[in-house]
C-alpha cells in the first residue's frame, strides 16, 4: 500500500484508496475517527461523490449512522428540493455542483464530514456549505490523507471546524518521495 508521487503534485494512491479499495484499512480508519470523536453526538456522515463514498460508508459502520453523499450529477430520482454548492476540483481541473436532497439533511443532524483527500479544501468547504445550508451542527471533518503544505486544512480549521486527518503529508516530490508529519 504505497503511494506514488507524480508530476503536478499528484499522489497516486489508487491501489488502496480510490480505485482499488482496501476495506480493512477503511474499517480501521473508521474506528480511528470513532475514537477521535468519542463522546460527540454524530447522527450522519456527509461526504462527496465519488471517492469519499467508500470511506464514509465503511466508517459509518463504526459510528452506526447513515451516510449522505453529495451528488455531482442530477439523477431522475433526485427531487428538485436540494441544497447545492459549486466547487472547483483540483484533480479534474473543473467546476462541479454538489447536491444533497433536503430530505436527508436538516437542523436535527450532527454531521461528521469525511473525504479521501484534503489539499486545497474545495470539496470539504463545499460540504461544510451544504451542511450549513441544511442547518446541521458540524461536529468536525476528517480526511484519510491531508496535504498539510497546501491551504485546505488551514482553511477548514479557520472556520472553527475540527479536522482529524489520519495521514498528514508535510512535503512530497518525485525525487524525495513523501514526508509525513510526526
C-alpha atoms as a PDB file:
ATOM      1  CA  UNK A   1       0.000   0.000   0.000  1.00  0.00           C
ATOM      2  CA  UNK A   2       2.390   2.627  -1.211  1.00  0.00           C
ATOM      3  CA  UNK A   3       1.579   5.987  -2.688  1.00  0.00           C
ATOM      4  CA  UNK A   4       3.406   7.179  -5.785  1.00  0.00           C
ATOM      5  CA  UNK A   5       4.252  10.842  -6.257  1.00  0.00           C
ATOM      6  CA  UNK A   6       3.535  12.005  -9.805  1.00  0.00           C
ATOM      7  CA  UNK A   7       4.307  15.249 -11.608  1.00  0.00           C
ATOM      8  CA  UNK A   8       1.953  18.122 -10.857  1.00  0.00           C
ATOM      9  CA  UNK A   9       1.808  17.459  -7.096  1.00  0.00           C
ATOM     10  CA  UNK A  10      -0.338  14.351  -7.592  1.00  0.00           C
ATOM     11  CA  UNK A  11      -0.262  11.498  -5.088  1.00  0.00           C
ATOM     12  CA  UNK A  12      -1.341   8.275  -6.762  1.00  0.00           C
ATOM     13  CA  UNK A  13      -2.954   6.025  -4.142  1.00  0.00           C
ATOM     14  CA  UNK A  14      -5.389   4.231  -6.370  1.00  0.00           C
ATOM     15  CA  UNK A  15      -4.030   0.827  -5.334  1.00  0.00           C
ATOM     16  CA  UNK A  16      -5.760   1.096  -1.933  1.00  0.00           C
ATOM     17  CA  UNK A  17      -7.766   4.317  -1.598  1.00  0.00           C
ATOM     18  CA  UNK A  18      -9.647   5.480  -4.655  1.00  0.00           C
ATOM     19  CA  UNK A  19      -9.676   2.871  -7.402  1.00  0.00           C
ATOM     20  CA  UNK A  20      -8.875  -0.467  -5.812  1.00  0.00           C
ATOM     21  CA  UNK A  21     -10.207  -0.280  -2.262  1.00  0.00           C
ATOM     22  CA  UNK A  22      -8.881  -1.792   0.951  1.00  0.00           C
ATOM     23  CA  UNK A  23     -11.986  -2.255   3.143  1.00  0.00           C
ATOM     24  CA  UNK A  24      -9.971  -3.486   6.130  1.00  0.00           C
ATOM     25  CA  UNK A  25      -7.952  -0.262   6.033  1.00  0.00           C
ATOM     26  CA  UNK A  26     -11.158   1.754   5.680  1.00  0.00           C
ATOM     27  CA  UNK A  27     -12.656  -0.031   8.682  1.00  0.00           C
ATOM     28  CA  UNK A  28      -9.563   0.719  10.787  1.00  0.00           C
ATOM     29  CA  UNK A  29      -9.792   4.340   9.642  1.00  0.00           C
ATOM     30  CA  UNK A  30     -13.433   4.412  10.729  1.00  0.00           C
ATOM     31  CA  UNK A  31     -12.537   3.030  14.128  1.00  0.00           C
ATOM     32  CA  UNK A  32      -9.848   5.703  14.492  1.00  0.00           C
ATOM     33  CA  UNK A  33     -12.278   8.509  13.631  1.00  0.00           C
ATOM     34  CA  UNK A  34     -14.734   6.964  16.092  1.00  0.00           C
ATOM     35  CA  UNK A  35     -12.007   7.091  18.772  1.00  0.00           C
ATOM     36  CA  UNK A  36     -11.044  10.669  17.870  1.00  0.00           C
ATOM     37  CA  UNK A  37     -14.653  11.858  18.008  1.00  0.00           C
ATOM     38  CA  UNK A  38     -15.571   9.766  21.055  1.00  0.00           C
ATOM     39  CA  UNK A  39     -18.292  11.428  23.104  1.00  0.00           C
ATOM     40  CA  UNK A  40     -19.568  13.526  20.195  1.00  0.00           C
ATOM     41  CA  UNK A  41     -23.138  13.001  19.077  1.00  0.00           C
ATOM     42  CA  UNK A  42     -22.966  12.219  15.358  1.00  0.00           C
ATOM     43  CA  UNK A  43     -26.177  11.393  13.518  1.00  0.00           C
ATOM     44  CA  UNK A  44     -24.853  11.283   9.938  1.00  0.00           C
ATOM     45  CA  UNK A  45     -21.661  11.198   7.951  1.00  0.00           C
ATOM     46  CA  UNK A  46     -21.530  13.549   4.978  1.00  0.00           C
ATOM     47  CA  UNK A  47     -19.206  13.048   2.011  1.00  0.00           C
ATOM     48  CA  UNK A  48     -18.889  13.818  -1.686  1.00  0.00           C
ATOM     49  CA  UNK A  49     -19.274  11.519  -4.656  1.00  0.00           C
ATOM     50  CA  UNK A  50     -17.372   9.518  -5.624  1.00  0.00           C
ATOM     51  CA  UNK A  51     -14.087   8.883  -3.840  1.00  0.00           C
ATOM     52  CA  UNK A  52     -15.449   9.704  -0.398  1.00  0.00           C
ATOM     53  CA  UNK A  53     -18.352   7.268  -0.524  1.00  0.00           C
ATOM     54  CA  UNK A  54     -16.490   4.041   0.223  1.00  0.00           C
ATOM     55  CA  UNK A  55     -14.504   5.560   3.082  1.00  0.00           C
ATOM     56  CA  UNK A  56     -17.602   7.158   4.588  1.00  0.00           C
ATOM     57  CA  UNK A  57     -19.737   4.027   4.202  1.00  0.00           C
ATOM     58  CA  UNK A  58     -17.246   1.786   5.943  1.00  0.00           C
ATOM     59  CA  UNK A  59     -16.517   4.399   8.632  1.00  0.00           C
ATOM     60  CA  UNK A  60     -20.264   4.728   9.221  1.00  0.00           C
ATOM     61  CA  UNK A  61     -20.273   1.128  10.425  1.00  0.00           C
ATOM     62  CA  UNK A  62     -18.105   2.203  13.373  1.00  0.00           C
ATOM     63  CA  UNK A  63     -20.482   5.094  14.164  1.00  0.00           C
ATOM     64  CA  UNK A  64     -23.668   3.133  13.384  1.00  0.00           C
ATOM     65  CA  UNK A  65     -25.083   6.064  11.424  1.00  0.00           C
ATOM     66  CA  UNK A  66     -26.190   6.609   7.821  1.00  0.00           C
ATOM     67  CA  UNK A  67     -24.067   8.229   5.131  1.00  0.00           C
ATOM     68  CA  UNK A  68     -25.310  11.088   2.979  1.00  0.00           C
ATOM     69  CA  UNK A  69     -23.272  11.790  -0.113  1.00  0.00           C
ATOM     70  CA  UNK A  70     -23.382  14.920  -2.177  1.00  0.00           C
ATOM     71  CA  UNK A  71     -24.086  14.045  -5.793  1.00  0.00           C
ATOM     72  CA  UNK A  72     -22.251  15.681  -8.664  1.00  0.00           C
ATOM     73  CA  UNK A  73     -24.939  14.919 -11.232  1.00  0.00           C
ATOM     74  CA  UNK A  74     -28.683  15.133 -11.041  1.00  0.00           C
ATOM     75  CA  UNK A  75     -30.429  11.805 -11.489  1.00  0.00           C
ATOM     76  CA  UNK A  76     -34.051  11.193 -12.339  1.00  0.00           C
ATOM     77  CA  UNK A  77     -34.803  10.113  -8.775  1.00  0.00           C
ATOM     78  CA  UNK A  78     -33.315  13.237  -7.135  1.00  0.00           C
ATOM     79  CA  UNK A  79     -36.004  15.804  -6.405  1.00  0.00           C
ATOM     80  CA  UNK A  80     -35.622  19.491  -7.185  1.00  0.00           C
ATOM     81  CA  UNK A  81     -35.670  20.203  -3.440  1.00  0.00           C
ATOM     82  CA  UNK A  82     -31.897  20.153  -2.896  1.00  0.00           C
ATOM     83  CA  UNK A  83     -29.100  22.080  -1.262  1.00  0.00           C
ATOM     84  CA  UNK A  84     -26.426  22.992  -3.838  1.00  0.00           C
ATOM     85  CA  UNK A  85     -22.931  24.418  -3.919  1.00  0.00           C
ATOM     86  CA  UNK A  86     -20.396  24.891  -6.695  1.00  0.00           C
ATOM     87  CA  UNK A  87     -16.865  23.570  -6.085  1.00  0.00           C
ATOM     88  CA  UNK A  88     -13.634  23.556  -8.045  1.00  0.00           C
ATOM     89  CA  UNK A  89     -11.832  20.216  -8.444  1.00  0.00           C
ATOM     90  CA  UNK A  90      -8.042  20.498  -8.365  1.00  0.00           C
ATOM     91  CA  UNK A  91      -7.705  16.896  -9.562  1.00  0.00           C
ATOM     92  CA  UNK A  92     -10.056  17.282 -12.516  1.00  0.00           C
ATOM     93  CA  UNK A  93      -9.451  20.988 -13.140  1.00  0.00           C
ATOM     94  CA  UNK A  94     -13.122  21.867 -13.444  1.00  0.00           C
ATOM     95  CA  UNK A  95     -16.149  23.185 -11.583  1.00  0.00           C
ATOM     96  CA  UNK A  96     -18.908  20.928 -10.408  1.00  0.00           C
ATOM     97  CA  UNK A  97     -22.107  21.327  -8.449  1.00  0.00           C
ATOM     98  CA  UNK A  98     -22.625  19.245  -5.320  1.00  0.00           C
ATOM     99  CA  UNK A  99     -26.244  18.451  -4.424  1.00  0.00           C
ATOM    100  CA  UNK A 100     -27.888  16.924  -1.374  1.00  0.00           C
ATOM    101  CA  UNK A 101     -31.596  16.275  -1.074  1.00  0.00           C
ATOM    102  CA  UNK A 102     -33.223  18.313   1.688  1.00  0.00           C
ATOM    103  CA  UNK A 103     -34.898  15.051   2.697  1.00  0.00           C
ATOM    104  CA  UNK A 104     -31.619  13.695   4.110  1.00  0.00           C
ATOM    105  CA  UNK A 105     -30.029  16.640   5.957  1.00  0.00           C
ATOM    106  CA  UNK A 106     -31.643  19.030   8.398  1.00  0.00           C
ATOM    107  CA  UNK A 107     -31.222  21.013  11.612  1.00  0.00           C
ATOM    108  CA  UNK A 108     -31.734  17.868  13.681  1.00  0.00           C
ATOM    109  CA  UNK A 109     -28.485  16.398  12.319  1.00  0.00           C
ATOM    110  CA  UNK A 110     -24.989  16.482  13.771  1.00  0.00           C
ATOM    111  CA  UNK A 111     -22.648  15.611  10.921  1.00  0.00           C
ATOM    112  CA  UNK A 112     -19.109  14.394  10.563  1.00  0.00           C
ATOM    113  CA  UNK A 113     -17.741  15.280   7.131  1.00  0.00           C
ATOM    114  CA  UNK A 114     -15.314  12.720   5.649  1.00  0.00           C
ATOM    115  CA  UNK A 115     -13.324  12.631   2.423  1.00  0.00           C
ATOM    116  CA  UNK A 116     -10.340  10.836   0.948  1.00  0.00           C
ATOM    117  CA  UNK A 117      -8.072  13.885   0.428  1.00  0.00           C
ATOM    118  CA  UNK A 118      -7.709  17.314   1.936  1.00  0.00           C
ATOM    119  CA  UNK A 119      -5.448  19.538  -0.160  1.00  0.00           C
ATOM    120  CA  UNK A 120      -6.847  22.885  -1.283  1.00  0.00           C
ATOM    121  CA  UNK A 121     -10.029  22.213   0.666  1.00  0.00           C
ATOM    122  CA  UNK A 122     -12.569  22.927  -2.079  1.00  0.00           C
ATOM    123  CA  UNK A 123     -14.559  19.710  -1.600  1.00  0.00           C
ATOM    124  CA  UNK A 124     -14.633  19.955   2.198  1.00  0.00           C
ATOM    125  CA  UNK A 125     -15.516  23.654   2.005  1.00  0.00           C
ATOM    126  CA  UNK A 126     -18.405  22.744  -0.299  1.00  0.00           C
ATOM    127  CA  UNK A 127     -19.583  20.031   2.079  1.00  0.00           C
ATOM    128  CA  UNK A 128     -19.388  22.467   5.001  1.00  0.00           C
ATOM    129  CA  UNK A 129     -21.527  24.904   2.992  1.00  0.00           C
ATOM    130  CA  UNK A 130     -24.115  22.185   2.271  1.00  0.00           C
ATOM    131  CA  UNK A 131     -24.270  21.277   5.971  1.00  0.00           C
ATOM    132  CA  UNK A 132     -24.701  24.953   6.867  1.00  0.00           C
ATOM    133  CA  UNK A 133     -27.480  25.361   4.292  1.00  0.00           C
ATOM    134  CA  UNK A 134     -29.233  22.421   5.950  1.00  0.00           C
ATOM    135  CA  UNK A 135     -28.784  23.950   9.412  1.00  0.00           C
ATOM    136  CA  UNK A 136     -26.772  20.944  10.612  1.00  0.00           C
ATOM    137  CA  UNK A 137     -24.407  21.011  13.534  1.00  0.00           C
ATOM    138  CA  UNK A 138     -20.958  20.276  12.099  1.00  0.00           C
ATOM    139  CA  UNK A 139     -19.124  18.078  14.591  1.00  0.00           C
ATOM    140  CA  UNK A 140     -15.925  18.023  12.555  1.00  0.00           C
ATOM    141  CA  UNK A 141     -14.235  16.767   9.450  1.00  0.00           C
ATOM    142  CA  UNK A 142     -11.813  14.017   8.588  1.00  0.00           C
ATOM    143  CA  UNK A 143      -9.574  13.134   5.697  1.00  0.00           C
ATOM    144  CA  UNK A 144      -7.721   9.931   5.019  1.00  0.00           C
ATOM    145  CA  UNK A 145      -4.795  11.968   3.660  1.00  0.00           C
ATOM    146  CA  UNK A 146      -4.086  15.658   4.161  1.00  0.00           C
ATOM    147  CA  UNK A 147      -1.502  17.525   2.137  1.00  0.00           C
ATOM    148  CA  UNK A 148      -0.661  19.779   5.087  1.00  0.00           C
ATOM    149  CA  UNK A 149       1.555  22.010   2.967  1.00  0.00           C
ATOM    150  CA  UNK A 150      -1.478  23.116   0.948  1.00  0.00           C
ATOM    151  CA  UNK A 151      -4.052  25.597   2.328  1.00  0.00           C
ATOM    152  CA  UNK A 152      -7.127  23.368   2.672  1.00  0.00           C
ATOM    153  CA  UNK A 153      -6.622  22.163   6.224  1.00  0.00           C
ATOM    154  CA  UNK A 154      -5.952  25.668   7.495  1.00  0.00           C
ATOM    155  CA  UNK A 155      -8.959  26.972   5.540  1.00  0.00           C
ATOM    156  CA  UNK A 156     -11.321  24.493   7.211  1.00  0.00           C
ATOM    157  CA  UNK A 157      -9.764  24.925  10.669  1.00  0.00           C
ATOM    158  CA  UNK A 158     -10.029  28.737  10.363  1.00  0.00           C
ATOM    159  CA  UNK A 159     -13.815  28.237  10.079  1.00  0.00           C
ATOM    160  CA  UNK A 160     -13.697  26.807  13.597  1.00  0.00           C
ATOM    161  CA  UNK A 161     -14.144  23.244  12.382  1.00  0.00           C
ATOM    162  CA  UNK A 162     -12.133  20.472  13.968  1.00  0.00           C
ATOM    163  CA  UNK A 163     -10.235  18.449  11.353  1.00  0.00           C
ATOM    164  CA  UNK A 164      -8.786  14.992  12.020  1.00  0.00           C
ATOM    165  CA  UNK A 165      -6.609  13.759   9.170  1.00  0.00           C
ATOM    166  CA  UNK A 166      -5.227  10.259   9.531  1.00  0.00           C
ATOM    167  CA  UNK A 167      -2.091  10.824   7.443  1.00  0.00           C
ATOM    168  CA  UNK A 168      -0.571  14.297   7.138  1.00  0.00           C
ATOM    169  CA  UNK A 169       1.950  14.934   4.401  1.00  0.00           C
ATOM    170  CA  UNK A 170       4.286  17.877   5.022  1.00  0.00           C
ATOM    171  CA  UNK A 171       6.109  17.578   1.690  1.00  0.00           C
ATOM    172  CA  UNK A 172       6.374  15.359  -1.346  1.00  0.00           C
ATOM    173  CA  UNK A 173       8.085  15.299  -4.696  1.00  0.00           C
ATOM    174  CA  UNK A 174       9.112  12.716  -7.268  1.00  0.00           C
ATOM    175  CA  UNK A 175      12.757  12.755  -6.217  1.00  0.00           C
ATOM    176  CA  UNK A 176      12.455  12.617  -2.415  1.00  0.00           C
ATOM    177  CA  UNK A 177       9.118  10.887  -2.002  1.00  0.00           C
ATOM    178  CA  UNK A 178       6.697  11.597   0.814  1.00  0.00           C
ATOM    179  CA  UNK A 179       7.439  13.173   4.197  1.00  0.00           C
ATOM    180  CA  UNK A 180       4.755  12.690   6.843  1.00  0.00           C
ATOM    181  CA  UNK A 181       4.087  14.867   9.913  1.00  0.00           C
ATOM    182  CA  UNK A 182       5.084  13.339  13.247  1.00  0.00           C
END
